[in-house]
Amino acid sequence: MSAQQLRNEIRESSEREASLIVREARAAGEEQLDAARAEVRKLESRLLELERARRAHLAQLRQMAERQLAEITAAEQEVLPALGVVSAAARSIDVPRPSPAAERVEQG
């Protein structure tokens, strides 16, 4: 075997080995890329779940706040006859009050 043939065989062997290394690296890179894409899909799905939960929680908070505001409004309009006290909000609405003569009869 001549030196030229030996060089050619070594070069061909090196090229095959380099090609194999490149294929293996590409395959490993594709696997990592696939894993990263799967992780992104998983995280996006979780993010959507969290956003839905956030919106539901905010809706519940809104309902609770609206109920409490309605209770506050009702309490502001409440007339407290036992104490002879009428809230400021109740004074602004037309609430029938007993006449002074009726009050004297009740006190009588």
C-alpha atoms as a PDB file:
ATOM      1  CA  MET A   1       0.000   0.000   0.000  1.00  0.00           C
ATOM      2  CA  SER A   2       1.386   3.328  -0.966  1.00  0.00           C
ATOM      3  CA  ALA A   3       1.522   6.408   1.190  1.00  0.00           C
ATOM      4  CA  GLN A   4      -1.021   8.089  -1.112  1.00  0.00           C
ATOM      5  CA  GLN A   5      -3.529   5.253  -0.626  1.00  0.00           C
ATOM      6  CA  LEU A   6      -2.970   5.317   3.117  1.00  0.00           C
ATOM      7  CA  ARG A   7      -3.634   9.085   3.207  1.00  0.00           C
ATOM      8  CA  ASN A   8      -6.806   8.608   1.168  1.00  0.00           C
ATOM      9  CA  GLU A   9      -8.087   5.888   3.500  1.00  0.00           C
ATOM     10  CA  ILE A  10      -7.311   7.973   6.577  1.00  0.00           C
ATOM     11  CA  ARG A  11      -9.058  10.993   5.001  1.00  0.00           C
ATOM     12  CA  GLU A  12     -12.126   8.903   4.059  1.00  0.00           C
ATOM     13  CA  SER A  13     -12.236   7.355   7.525  1.00  0.00           C
ATOM     14  CA  SER A  14     -11.967  10.795   9.109  1.00  0.00           C
ATOM     15  CA  GLU A  15     -14.745  12.133   6.874  1.00  0.00           C
ATOM     16  CA  ARG A  16     -17.019   9.195   7.803  1.00  0.00           C
ATOM     17  CA  GLU A  17     -16.297   9.743  11.484  1.00  0.00           C
ATOM     18  CA  ALA A  18     -16.929  13.492  11.163  1.00  0.00           C
ATOM     19  CA  SER A  19     -20.179  12.814   9.321  1.00  0.00           C
ATOM     20  CA  LEU A  20     -21.259  10.395  12.057  1.00  0.00           C
ATOM     21  CA  ILE A  21     -20.437  12.961  14.762  1.00  0.00           C
ATOM     22  CA  VAL A  22     -22.449  15.613  12.921  1.00  0.00           C
ATOM     23  CA  ARG A  23     -25.460  13.267  12.554  1.00  0.00           C
ATOM     24  CA  GLU A  24     -25.320  12.351  16.240  1.00  0.00           C
ATOM     25  CA  ALA A  25     -25.056  16.009  17.236  1.00  0.00           C
ATOM     26  CA  ARG A  26     -28.019  16.924  15.022  1.00  0.00           C
ATOM     27  CA  ALA A  27     -30.083  14.078  16.483  1.00  0.00           C
ATOM     28  CA  ALA A  28     -29.209  15.181  20.032  1.00  0.00           C
ATOM     29  CA  GLY A  29     -30.033  18.766  19.124  1.00  0.00           C
ATOM     30  CA  GLU A  30     -33.414  17.729  17.690  1.00  0.00           C
ATOM     31  CA  GLU A  31     -34.197  15.763  20.859  1.00  0.00           C
ATOM     32  CA  GLN A  32     -33.359  18.763  23.015  1.00  0.00           C
ATOM     33  CA  LEU A  33     -35.414  21.022  20.778  1.00  0.00           C
ATOM     34  CA  ASP A  34     -38.391  18.645  20.943  1.00  0.00           C
ATOM     35  CA  ALA A  35     -38.106  18.510  24.740  1.00  0.00           C
ATOM     36  CA  ALA A  36     -37.945  22.309  24.925  1.00  0.00           C
ATOM     37  CA  ARG A  37     -41.017  22.634  22.689  1.00  0.00           C
ATOM     38  CA  ALA A  38     -42.915  20.156  24.845  1.00  0.00           C
ATOM     39  CA  GLU A  39     -41.962  22.123  27.956  1.00  0.00           C
ATOM     40  CA  VAL A  40     -43.131  25.364  26.327  1.00  0.00           C
ATOM     41  CA  ARG A  41     -46.496  23.763  25.473  1.00  0.00           C
ATOM     42  CA  LYS A  42     -46.816  22.490  29.039  1.00  0.00           C
ATOM     43  CA  LEU A  43     -46.015  25.914  30.499  1.00  0.00           C
ATOM     44  CA  GLU A  44     -48.393  27.683  28.111  1.00  0.00           C
ATOM     45  CA  SER A  45     -51.154  25.289  29.141  1.00  0.00           C
ATOM     46  CA  ARG A  46     -50.446  25.936  32.819  1.00  0.00           C
ATOM     47  CA  LEU A  47     -50.430  29.672  32.172  1.00  0.00           C
ATOM     48  CA  LEU A  48     -53.879  29.435  30.563  1.00  0.00           C
ATOM     49  CA  GLU A  49     -55.155  27.462  33.565  1.00  0.00           C
ATOM     50  CA  LEU A  50     -53.807  30.107  35.920  1.00  0.00           C
ATOM     51  CA  GLU A  51     -55.364  32.908  33.873  1.00  0.00           C
ATOM     52  CA  ARG A  52     -58.758  31.167  33.962  1.00  0.00           C
ATOM     53  CA  ALA A  53     -58.438  30.705  37.721  1.00  0.00           C
ATOM     54  CA  ARG A  54     -57.457  34.378  38.102  1.00  0.00           C
ATOM     55  CA  ARG A  55     -60.505  35.550  36.141  1.00  0.00           C
ATOM     56  CA  ALA A  56     -62.810  33.268  38.161  1.00  0.00           C
ATOM     57  CA  HIS A  57     -61.328  34.565  41.405  1.00  0.00           C
ATOM     58  CA  LEU A  58     -61.769  38.176  40.296  1.00  0.00           C
ATOM     59  CA  ALA A  59     -65.392  37.470  39.326  1.00  0.00           C
ATOM     60  CA  GLN A  60     -66.034  35.993  42.782  1.00  0.00           C
ATOM     61  CA  LEU A  61     -64.411  39.008  44.440  1.00  0.00           C
ATOM     62  CA  ARG A  62     -66.552  41.322  42.305  1.00  0.00           C
ATOM     63  CA  GLN A  63     -69.749  39.466  43.307  1.00  0.00           C
ATOM     64  CA  MET A  64     -68.795  39.568  46.970  1.00  0.00           C
ATOM     65  CA  ALA A  65     -67.997  43.291  46.792  1.00  0.00           C
ATOM     66  CA  GLU A  66     -71.281  44.016  45.002  1.00  0.00           C
ATOM     67  CA  ARG A  67     -73.223  42.093  47.672  1.00  0.00           C
ATOM     68  CA  GLN A  68     -71.456  44.009  50.409  1.00  0.00           C
ATOM     69  CA  LEU A  69     -72.140  47.327  48.676  1.00  0.00           C
ATOM     70  CA  ALA A  70     -75.805  46.390  48.414  1.00  0.00           C
ATOM     71  CA  GLU A  71     -75.847  45.596  52.133  1.00  0.00           C
ATOM     72  CA  ILE A  72     -74.174  48.920  52.915  1.00  0.00           C
ATOM     73  CA  THR A  73     -76.690  50.788  50.762  1.00  0.00           C
ATOM     74  CA  ALA A  74     -79.574  49.017  52.487  1.00  0.00           C
ATOM     75  CA  ALA A  75     -78.096  49.752  55.921  1.00  0.00           C
ATOM     76  CA  GLU A  76     -77.663  53.436  55.036  1.00  0.00           C
ATOM     77  CA  GLN A  77     -81.317  53.685  54.086  1.00  0.00           C
ATOM     78  CA  GLU A  78     -82.502  51.864  57.177  1.00  0.00           C
ATOM     79  CA  VAL A  79     -84.731  53.788  59.576  1.00  0.00           C
ATOM     80  CA  LEU A  80     -84.095  53.070  63.222  1.00  0.00           C
ATOM     81  CA  PRO A  81     -87.471  53.930  64.818  1.00  0.00           C
ATOM     82  CA  ALA A  82     -86.612  52.631  68.276  1.00  0.00           C
ATOM     83  CA  LEU A  83     -83.895  55.238  68.605  1.00  0.00           C
ATOM     84  CA  GLY A  84     -85.656  57.928  66.627  1.00  0.00           C
ATOM     85  CA  VAL A  85     -82.641  57.980  64.323  1.00  0.00           C
ATOM     86  CA  VAL A  86     -82.793  58.180  60.575  1.00  0.00           C
ATOM     87  CA  SER A  87     -79.652  57.789  58.556  1.00  0.00           C
ATOM     88  CA  ALA A  88     -78.562  60.587  56.214  1.00  0.00           C
ATOM     89  CA  ALA A  89     -79.380  58.469  53.183  1.00  0.00           C
ATOM     90  CA  ALA A  90     -82.834  57.653  54.543  1.00  0.00           C
ATOM     91  CA  ARG A  91     -83.547  61.353  55.115  1.00  0.00           C
ATOM     92  CA  SER A  92     -83.028  61.956  51.425  1.00  0.00           C
ATOM     93  CA  ILE A  93     -85.845  59.553  50.533  1.00  0.00           C
ATOM     94  CA  ASP A  94     -89.497  60.158  51.251  1.00  0.00           C
ATOM     95  CA  VAL A  95     -90.231  58.107  54.376  1.00  0.00           C
ATOM     96  CA  PRO A  96     -93.607  58.708  56.012  1.00  0.00           C
ATOM     97  CA  ARG A  97     -93.214  59.895  59.592  1.00  0.00           C
ATOM     98  CA  PRO A  98     -95.903  60.021  62.231  1.00  0.00           C
ATOM     99  CA  SER A  99     -97.487  63.413  62.809  1.00  0.00           C
ATOM    100  CA  PRO A 100     -96.666  65.263  66.031  1.00  0.00           C
ATOM    101  CA  ALA A 101    -100.161  64.514  67.314  1.00  0.00           C
ATOM    102  CA  ALA A 102     -99.656  60.792  66.741  1.00  0.00           C
ATOM    103  CA  GLU A 103     -96.313  60.944  68.551  1.00  0.00           C
ATOM    104  CA  ARG A 104     -98.021  62.565  71.586  1.00  0.00           C
ATOM    105  CA  VAL A 105    -100.632  59.827  71.632  1.00  0.00           C
ATOM    106  CA  GLU A 106     -97.915  57.170  71.542  1.00  0.00           C
ATOM    107  CA  GLN A 107     -95.994  58.875  74.340  1.00  0.00           C
ATOM    108  CA  GLY A 108     -99.177  59.507  76.325  1.00  0.00           C
END
